[in-house]
Amino acid sequence: MSELMLMVERQELQGYLNNVTTRLSEEAWLGEALSALVANFPPAQQACAAGERDTLKNLFMPAFRGSTLTVGYNSSTQSA
């Protein structure tokens, strides 16, 4: 390959890397924001303190059912 083609390929790969890095940063921010929201939600705090997993499930599962979020969770495989 010519030096020019190698340079163009390297720039294209760098662009892909930048896009992936940006996307990962955005996803990390979203995860932090959602965890802060849940952690500061009084009913969730009370349920966590009492060890009431069913209450937590009832609080948050409706938001994930049918959701297009893709965070390693598939609501169709979970029982209610």
PDB file of N, CA and C in Angstrom:
ATOM      1  N   MET A   1       0.839  -1.183   0.000  1.00  0.00           N
ATOM      2  CA  MET A   1       0.000   0.000   0.000  1.00  0.00           C
ATOM      3  C   MET A   1       0.881   1.241   0.000  1.00  0.00           C
ATOM      4  N   SER A   2       0.370   2.243  -0.607  1.00  0.00           N
ATOM      5  CA  SER A   2       1.126   3.483  -0.629  1.00  0.00           C
ATOM      6  C   SER A   2       1.024   4.161   0.731  1.00  0.00           C
ATOM      7  N   GLU A   3       1.937   5.030   0.982  1.00  0.00           N
ATOM      8  CA  GLU A   3       1.953   5.786   2.246  1.00  0.00           C
ATOM      9  C   GLU A   3       0.665   6.595   2.415  1.00  0.00           C
ATOM     10  N   LEU A   4       0.163   7.139   1.327  1.00  0.00           N
ATOM     11  CA  LEU A   4      -1.068   7.927   1.376  1.00  0.00           C
ATOM     12  C   LEU A   4      -2.254   7.060   1.802  1.00  0.00           C
ATOM     13  N   MET A   5      -2.361   5.857   1.257  1.00  0.00           N
ATOM     14  CA  MET A   5      -3.455   4.959   1.619  1.00  0.00           C
ATOM     15  C   MET A   5      -3.365   4.552   3.090  1.00  0.00           C
ATOM     16  N   LEU A   6      -2.160   4.308   3.560  1.00  0.00           N
ATOM     17  CA  LEU A   6      -1.982   3.968   4.970  1.00  0.00           C
ATOM     18  C   LEU A   6      -2.409   5.124   5.870  1.00  0.00           C
ATOM     19  N   MET A   7      -2.066   6.342   5.461  1.00  0.00           N
ATOM     20  CA  MET A   7      -2.432   7.511   6.246  1.00  0.00           C
ATOM     21  C   MET A   7      -3.956   7.678   6.282  1.00  0.00           C
ATOM     22  N   VAL A   8      -4.612   7.477   5.151  1.00  0.00           N
ATOM     23  CA  VAL A   8      -6.060   7.606   5.083  1.00  0.00           C
ATOM     24  C   VAL A   8      -6.724   6.540   5.951  1.00  0.00           C
ATOM     25  N   GLU A   9      -6.241   5.313   5.874  1.00  0.00           N
ATOM     26  CA  GLU A   9      -6.793   4.237   6.709  1.00  0.00           C
ATOM     27  C   GLU A   9      -6.598   4.533   8.188  1.00  0.00           C
ATOM     28  N   ARG A  10      -5.434   5.039   8.544  1.00  0.00           N
ATOM     29  CA  ARG A  10      -5.150   5.369   9.945  1.00  0.00           C
ATOM     30  C   ARG A  10      -6.090   6.462  10.438  1.00  0.00           C
ATOM     31  N   GLN A  11      -6.338   7.457   9.609  1.00  0.00           N
ATOM     32  CA  GLN A  11      -7.257   8.527   9.989  1.00  0.00           C
ATOM     33  C   GLN A  11      -8.681   8.005  10.144  1.00  0.00           C
ATOM     34  N   GLU A  12      -9.084   7.107   9.253  1.00  0.00           N
ATOM     35  CA  GLU A  12     -10.425   6.533   9.340  1.00  0.00           C
ATOM     36  C   GLU A  12     -10.568   5.700  10.615  1.00  0.00           C
ATOM     37  N   LEU A  13      -9.567   4.904  10.923  1.00  0.00           N
ATOM     38  CA  LEU A  13      -9.599   4.107  12.151  1.00  0.00           C
ATOM     39  C   LEU A  13      -9.603   5.002  13.386  1.00  0.00           C
ATOM     40  N   GLN A  14      -8.862   6.096  13.345  1.00  0.00           N
ATOM     41  CA  GLN A  14      -8.847   7.030  14.461  1.00  0.00           C
ATOM     42  C   GLN A  14     -10.232   7.637  14.648  1.00  0.00           C
ATOM     43  N   GLY A  15     -10.922   7.918  13.555  1.00  0.00           N
ATOM     44  CA  GLY A  15     -12.290   8.434  13.636  1.00  0.00           C
ATOM     45  C   GLY A  15     -13.222   7.432  14.293  1.00  0.00           C
ATOM     46  N   TYR A  16     -13.096   6.151  13.928  1.00  0.00           N
ATOM     47  CA  TYR A  16     -13.913   5.110  14.555  1.00  0.00           C
ATOM     48  C   TYR A  16     -13.611   5.020  16.047  1.00  0.00           C
ATOM     49  N   LEU A  17     -12.345   5.079  16.393  1.00  0.00           N
ATOM     50  CA  LEU A  17     -11.957   5.016  17.800  1.00  0.00           C
ATOM     51  C   LEU A  17     -12.539   6.197  18.572  1.00  0.00           C
ATOM     52  N   ASN A  18     -12.468   7.374  17.996  1.00  0.00           N
ATOM     53  CA  ASN A  18     -13.030   8.561  18.655  1.00  0.00           C
ATOM     54  C   ASN A  18     -14.540   8.411  18.854  1.00  0.00           C
ATOM     55  N   ASN A  19     -15.238   7.869  17.834  1.00  0.00           N
ATOM     56  CA  ASN A  19     -16.689   7.673  17.957  1.00  0.00           C
ATOM     57  C   ASN A  19     -17.018   6.682  19.067  1.00  0.00           C
ATOM     58  N   VAL A  20     -16.287   5.585  19.132  1.00  0.00           N
ATOM     59  CA  VAL A  20     -16.533   4.576  20.163  1.00  0.00           C
ATOM     60  C   VAL A  20     -16.231   5.149  21.544  1.00  0.00           C
ATOM     61  N   THR A  21     -15.148   5.866  21.665  1.00  0.00           N
ATOM     62  CA  THR A  21     -14.772   6.471  22.948  1.00  0.00           C
ATOM     63  C   THR A  21     -15.828   7.469  23.409  1.00  0.00           C
ATOM     64  N   THR A  22     -16.318   8.277  22.495  1.00  0.00           N
ATOM     65  CA  THR A  22     -17.361   9.246  22.820  1.00  0.00           C
ATOM     66  C   THR A  22     -18.629   8.536  23.267  1.00  0.00           C
ATOM     67  N   ARG A  23     -19.005   7.500  22.546  1.00  0.00           N
ATOM     68  CA  ARG A  23     -20.223   6.751  22.889  1.00  0.00           C
ATOM     69  C   ARG A  23     -20.104   6.096  24.267  1.00  0.00           C
ATOM     70  N   LEU A  24     -18.947   5.533  24.561  1.00  0.00           N
ATOM     71  CA  LEU A  24     -18.728   4.929  25.878  1.00  0.00           C
ATOM     72  C   LEU A  24     -18.826   5.966  26.987  1.00  0.00           C
ATOM     73  N   SER A  25     -18.283   7.139  26.745  1.00  0.00           N
ATOM     74  CA  SER A  25     -18.373   8.213  27.742  1.00  0.00           C
ATOM     75  C   SER A  25     -19.821   8.623  27.977  1.00  0.00           C
ATOM     76  N   GLU A  26     -20.592   8.705  26.898  1.00  0.00           N
ATOM     77  CA  GLU A  26     -22.004   9.060  27.023  1.00  0.00           C
ATOM     78  C   GLU A  26     -22.757   7.992  27.811  1.00  0.00           C
ATOM     79  N   GLU A  27     -22.480   6.728  27.541  1.00  0.00           N
ATOM     80  CA  GLU A  27     -23.150   5.639  28.252  1.00  0.00           C
ATOM     81  C   GLU A  27     -22.760   5.639  29.727  1.00  0.00           C
ATOM     82  N   ALA A  28     -21.504   5.927  30.016  1.00  0.00           N
ATOM     83  CA  ALA A  28     -21.061   5.984  31.413  1.00  0.00           C
ATOM     84  C   ALA A  28     -21.782   7.108  32.145  1.00  0.00           C
ATOM     85  N   TRP A  29     -21.917   8.250  31.487  1.00  0.00           N
ATOM     86  CA  TRP A  29     -22.627   9.374  32.098  1.00  0.00           C
ATOM     87  C   TRP A  29     -24.075   8.994  32.373  1.00  0.00           C
ATOM     88  N   LEU A  30     -24.716   8.335  31.415  1.00  0.00           N
ATOM     89  CA  LEU A  30     -26.105   7.928  31.594  1.00  0.00           C
ATOM     90  C   LEU A  30     -26.242   6.963  32.770  1.00  0.00           C
ATOM     91  N   GLY A  31     -25.317   6.014  32.878  1.00  0.00           N
ATOM     92  CA  GLY A  31     -25.338   5.075  33.993  1.00  0.00           C
ATOM     93  C   GLY A  31     -25.181   5.773  35.328  1.00  0.00           C
ATOM     94  N   GLU A  32     -24.291   6.725  35.385  1.00  0.00           N
ATOM     95  CA  GLU A  32     -24.092   7.490  36.629  1.00  0.00           C
ATOM     96  C   GLU A  32     -25.341   8.301  36.973  1.00  0.00           C
ATOM     97  N   ALA A  33     -25.938   8.917  35.975  1.00  0.00           N
ATOM     98  CA  ALA A  33     -27.130   9.728  36.218  1.00  0.00           C
ATOM     99  C   ALA A  33     -28.289   8.868  36.704  1.00  0.00           C
ATOM    100  N   LEU A  34     -28.491   7.720  36.066  1.00  0.00           N
ATOM    101  CA  LEU A  34     -29.586   6.839  36.483  1.00  0.00           C
ATOM    102  C   LEU A  34     -29.349   6.262  37.868  1.00  0.00           C
ATOM    103  N   SER A  35     -28.109   5.906  38.168  1.00  0.00           N
ATOM    104  CA  SER A  35     -27.839   5.354  39.501  1.00  0.00           C
ATOM    105  C   SER A  35     -28.032   6.424  40.577  1.00  0.00           C
ATOM    106  N   ALA A  36     -27.662   7.670  40.284  1.00  0.00           N
ATOM    107  CA  ALA A  36     -27.880   8.755  41.246  1.00  0.00           C
ATOM    108  C   ALA A  36     -29.371   9.001  41.455  1.00  0.00           C
ATOM    109  N   LEU A  37     -30.137   8.925  40.373  1.00  0.00           N
ATOM    110  CA  LEU A  37     -31.581   9.097  40.476  1.00  0.00           C
ATOM    111  C   LEU A  37     -32.189   8.020  41.377  1.00  0.00           C
ATOM    112  N   VAL A  38     -31.817   6.782  41.134  1.00  0.00           N
ATOM    113  CA  VAL A  38     -32.352   5.672  41.928  1.00  0.00           C
ATOM    114  C   VAL A  38     -31.888   5.774  43.375  1.00  0.00           C
ATOM    115  N   ALA A  39     -30.617   6.082  43.577  1.00  0.00           N
ATOM    116  CA  ALA A  39     -30.066   6.139  44.937  1.00  0.00           C
ATOM    117  C   ALA A  39     -30.697   7.249  45.775  1.00  0.00           C
ATOM    118  N   ASN A  40     -31.177   8.289  45.132  1.00  0.00           N
ATOM    119  CA  ASN A  40     -31.761   9.412  45.858  1.00  0.00           C
ATOM    120  C   ASN A  40     -33.282   9.410  45.842  1.00  0.00           C
ATOM    121  N   PHE A  41     -33.875   8.325  45.403  1.00  0.00           N
ATOM    122  CA  PHE A  41     -35.322   8.172  45.357  1.00  0.00           C
ATOM    123  C   PHE A  41     -35.768   7.564  46.689  1.00  0.00           C
ATOM    124  N   PRO A  42     -36.447   8.347  47.550  1.00  0.00           N
ATOM    125  CA  PRO A  42     -36.776   7.872  48.901  1.00  0.00           C
ATOM    126  C   PRO A  42     -37.430   6.488  48.969  1.00  0.00           C
ATOM    127  N   PRO A  43     -38.407   6.166  48.111  1.00  0.00           N
ATOM    128  CA  PRO A  43     -38.972   4.813  48.202  1.00  0.00           C
ATOM    129  C   PRO A  43     -37.928   3.714  47.924  1.00  0.00           C
ATOM    130  N   ALA A  44     -36.989   3.999  47.029  1.00  0.00           N
ATOM    131  CA  ALA A  44     -35.930   3.023  46.752  1.00  0.00           C
ATOM    132  C   ALA A  44     -34.986   2.910  47.939  1.00  0.00           C
ATOM    133  N   GLN A  45     -34.680   4.032  48.568  1.00  0.00           N
ATOM    134  CA  GLN A  45     -33.816   4.005  49.759  1.00  0.00           C
ATOM    135  C   GLN A  45     -34.451   3.165  50.857  1.00  0.00           C
ATOM    136  N   GLN A  46     -35.739   3.370  51.063  1.00  0.00           N
ATOM    137  CA  GLN A  46     -36.444   2.628  52.116  1.00  0.00           C
ATOM    138  C   GLN A  46     -36.489   1.141  51.797  1.00  0.00           C
ATOM    139  N   ALA A  47     -36.769   0.805  50.558  1.00  0.00           N
ATOM    140  CA  ALA A  47     -36.830  -0.603  50.164  1.00  0.00           C
ATOM    141  C   ALA A  47     -35.463  -1.271  50.290  1.00  0.00           C
ATOM    142  N   CYS A  48     -34.403  -0.557  49.908  1.00  0.00           N
ATOM    143  CA  CYS A  48     -33.045  -1.112  50.052  1.00  0.00           C
ATOM    144  C   CYS A  48     -32.716  -1.338  51.522  1.00  0.00           C
ATOM    145  N   ALA A  49     -33.014  -0.359  52.337  1.00  0.00           N
ATOM    146  CA  ALA A  49     -32.705  -0.463  53.762  1.00  0.00           C
ATOM    147  C   ALA A  49     -33.450  -1.632  54.408  1.00  0.00           C
ATOM    148  N   ALA A  50     -34.659  -1.900  53.918  1.00  0.00           N
ATOM    149  CA  ALA A  50     -35.474  -2.982  54.484  1.00  0.00           C
ATOM    150  C   ALA A  50     -35.224  -4.317  53.781  1.00  0.00           C
ATOM    151  N   GLY A  51     -34.378  -4.304  52.736  1.00  0.00           N
ATOM    152  CA  GLY A  51     -34.108  -5.532  52.001  1.00  0.00           C
ATOM    153  C   GLY A  51     -35.301  -6.042  51.210  1.00  0.00           C
ATOM    154  N   GLU A  52     -36.157  -5.139  50.797  1.00  0.00           N
ATOM    155  CA  GLU A  52     -37.382  -5.501  50.086  1.00  0.00           C
ATOM    156  C   GLU A  52     -37.155  -5.504  48.571  1.00  0.00           C
ATOM    157  N   ARG A  53     -36.644  -6.601  48.086  1.00  0.00           N
ATOM    158  CA  ARG A  53     -36.328  -6.725  46.663  1.00  0.00           C
ATOM    159  C   ARG A  53     -37.580  -6.639  45.789  1.00  0.00           C
ATOM    160  N   ASP A  54     -38.673  -7.222  46.263  1.00  0.00           N
ATOM    161  CA  ASP A  54     -39.910  -7.172  45.474  1.00  0.00           C
ATOM    162  C   ASP A  54     -40.408  -5.743  45.309  1.00  0.00           C
ATOM    163  N   THR A  55     -40.268  -4.949  46.356  1.00  0.00           N
ATOM    164  CA  THR A  55     -40.677  -3.540  46.266  1.00  0.00           C
ATOM    165  C   THR A  55     -39.815  -2.814  45.234  1.00  0.00           C
ATOM    166  N   LEU A  56     -38.510  -3.070  45.254  1.00  0.00           N
ATOM    167  CA  LEU A  56     -37.622  -2.451  44.263  1.00  0.00           C
ATOM    168  C   LEU A  56     -38.010  -2.879  42.852  1.00  0.00           C
ATOM    169  N   LYS A  57     -38.282  -4.161  42.703  1.00  0.00           N
ATOM    170  CA  LYS A  57     -38.687  -4.668  41.395  1.00  0.00           C
ATOM    171  C   LYS A  57     -39.969  -3.973  40.942  1.00  0.00           C
ATOM    172  N   ASN A  58     -40.934  -3.835  41.845  1.00  0.00           N
ATOM    173  CA  ASN A  58     -42.193  -3.184  41.490  1.00  0.00           C
ATOM    174  C   ASN A  58     -42.019  -1.703  41.176  1.00  0.00           C
ATOM    175  N   LEU A  59     -41.050  -1.077  41.805  1.00  0.00           N
ATOM    176  CA  LEU A  59     -40.784   0.342  41.537  1.00  0.00           C
ATOM    177  C   LEU A  59     -40.187   0.566  40.151  1.00  0.00           C
ATOM    178  N   PHE A  60     -39.273  -0.316  39.757  1.00  0.00           N
ATOM    179  CA  PHE A  60     -38.479  -0.027  38.565  1.00  0.00           C
ATOM    180  C   PHE A  60     -38.735  -0.908  37.354  1.00  0.00           C
ATOM    181  N   MET A  61     -39.275  -2.094  37.525  1.00  0.00           N
ATOM    182  CA  MET A  61     -39.488  -2.973  36.378  1.00  0.00           C
ATOM    183  C   MET A  61     -40.409  -2.382  35.314  1.00  0.00           C
ATOM    184  N   PRO A  62     -41.491  -1.698  35.699  1.00  0.00           N
ATOM    185  CA  PRO A  62     -42.362  -1.147  34.647  1.00  0.00           C
ATOM    186  C   PRO A  62     -41.618  -0.233  33.662  1.00  0.00           C
ATOM    187  N   ALA A  63     -40.620   0.466  34.130  1.00  0.00           N
ATOM    188  CA  ALA A  63     -39.865   1.360  33.249  1.00  0.00           C
ATOM    189  C   ALA A  63     -39.023   0.596  32.246  1.00  0.00           C
ATOM    190  N   PHE A  64     -38.650  -0.637  32.576  1.00  0.00           N
ATOM    191  CA  PHE A  64     -37.794  -1.417  31.696  1.00  0.00           C
ATOM    192  C   PHE A  64     -38.569  -2.369  30.791  1.00  0.00           C
ATOM    193  N   ARG A  65     -39.787  -2.684  31.141  1.00  0.00           N
ATOM    194  CA  ARG A  65     -40.588  -3.574  30.291  1.00  0.00           C
ATOM    195  C   ARG A  65     -40.859  -2.869  28.963  1.00  0.00           C
ATOM    196  N   GLY A  66     -40.531  -3.526  27.900  1.00  0.00           N
ATOM    197  CA  GLY A  66     -40.757  -2.943  26.585  1.00  0.00           C
ATOM    198  C   GLY A  66     -39.802  -1.821  26.246  1.00  0.00           C
ATOM    199  N   SER A  67     -38.796  -1.624  27.084  1.00  0.00           N
ATOM    200  CA  SER A  67     -37.835  -0.554  26.868  1.00  0.00           C
ATOM    201  C   SER A  67     -36.895  -0.898  25.727  1.00  0.00           C
ATOM    202  N   THR A  68     -36.386   0.130  25.081  1.00  0.00           N
ATOM    203  CA  THR A  68     -35.405  -0.078  24.029  1.00  0.00           C
ATOM    204  C   THR A  68     -33.989   0.047  24.574  1.00  0.00           C
ATOM    205  N   LEU A  69     -33.870   0.207  25.888  1.00  0.00           N
ATOM    206  CA  LEU A  69     -32.536   0.270  26.477  1.00  0.00           C
ATOM    207  C   LEU A  69     -31.830  -1.046  26.261  1.00  0.00           C
ATOM    208  N   THR A  70     -30.571  -0.979  25.912  1.00  0.00           N
ATOM    209  CA  THR A  70     -29.798  -2.203  25.702  1.00  0.00           C
ATOM    210  C   THR A  70     -28.589  -2.163  26.618  1.00  0.00           C
ATOM    211  N   VAL A  71     -28.812  -2.564  27.837  1.00  0.00           N
ATOM    212  CA  VAL A  71     -27.735  -2.527  28.825  1.00  0.00           C
ATOM    213  C   VAL A  71     -27.503  -3.902  29.425  1.00  0.00           C
ATOM    214  N   GLY A  72     -27.656  -4.930  28.588  1.00  0.00           N
ATOM    215  CA  GLY A  72     -27.447  -6.280  29.076  1.00  0.00           C
ATOM    216  C   GLY A  72     -28.622  -6.834  29.836  1.00  0.00           C
ATOM    217  N   TYR A  73     -29.775  -6.229  29.654  1.00  0.00           N
ATOM    218  CA  TYR A  73     -30.972  -6.671  30.356  1.00  0.00           C
ATOM    219  C   TYR A  73     -32.053  -6.940  29.322  1.00  0.00           C
ATOM    220  N   ASN A  74     -32.674  -8.075  29.442  1.00  0.00           N
ATOM    221  CA  ASN A  74     -33.751  -8.425  28.527  1.00  0.00           C
ATOM    222  C   ASN A  74     -34.996  -8.679  29.360  1.00  0.00           C
ATOM    223  N   SER A  75     -35.919  -7.729  29.351  1.00  0.00           N
ATOM    224  CA  SER A  75     -37.102  -7.841  30.210  1.00  0.00           C
ATOM    225  C   SER A  75     -37.996  -9.001  29.796  1.00  0.00           C
ATOM    226  N   SER A  76     -37.888  -9.472  28.561  1.00  0.00           N
ATOM    227  CA  SER A  76     -38.753 -10.564  28.138  1.00  0.00           C
ATOM    228  C   SER A  76     -38.359 -11.896  28.779  1.00  0.00           C
ATOM    229  N   THR A  77     -37.173 -11.985  29.354  1.00  0.00           N
ATOM    230  CA  THR A  77     -36.746 -13.232  29.984  1.00  0.00           C
ATOM    231  C   THR A  77     -36.966 -13.215  31.480  1.00  0.00           C
ATOM    232  N   GLN A  78     -37.459 -12.101  32.013  1.00  0.00           N
ATOM    233  CA  GLN A  78     -37.659 -11.970  33.456  1.00  0.00           C
ATOM    234  C   GLN A  78     -39.112 -12.176  33.793  1.00  0.00           C
ATOM    235  N   SER A  79     -39.371 -12.861  34.878  1.00  0.00           N
ATOM    236  CA  SER A  79     -40.752 -13.043  35.313  1.00  0.00           C
ATOM    237  C   SER A  79     -41.178 -11.842  36.152  1.00  0.00           C
ATOM    238  N   ALA A  80     -42.453 -11.606  36.203  1.00  0.00           N
ATOM    239  CA  ALA A  80     -42.973 -10.447  36.936  1.00  0.00           C
ATOM    240  C   ALA A  80     -42.950 -10.645  38.404  1.00  0.00           C
TER     241      ALA A  80
END
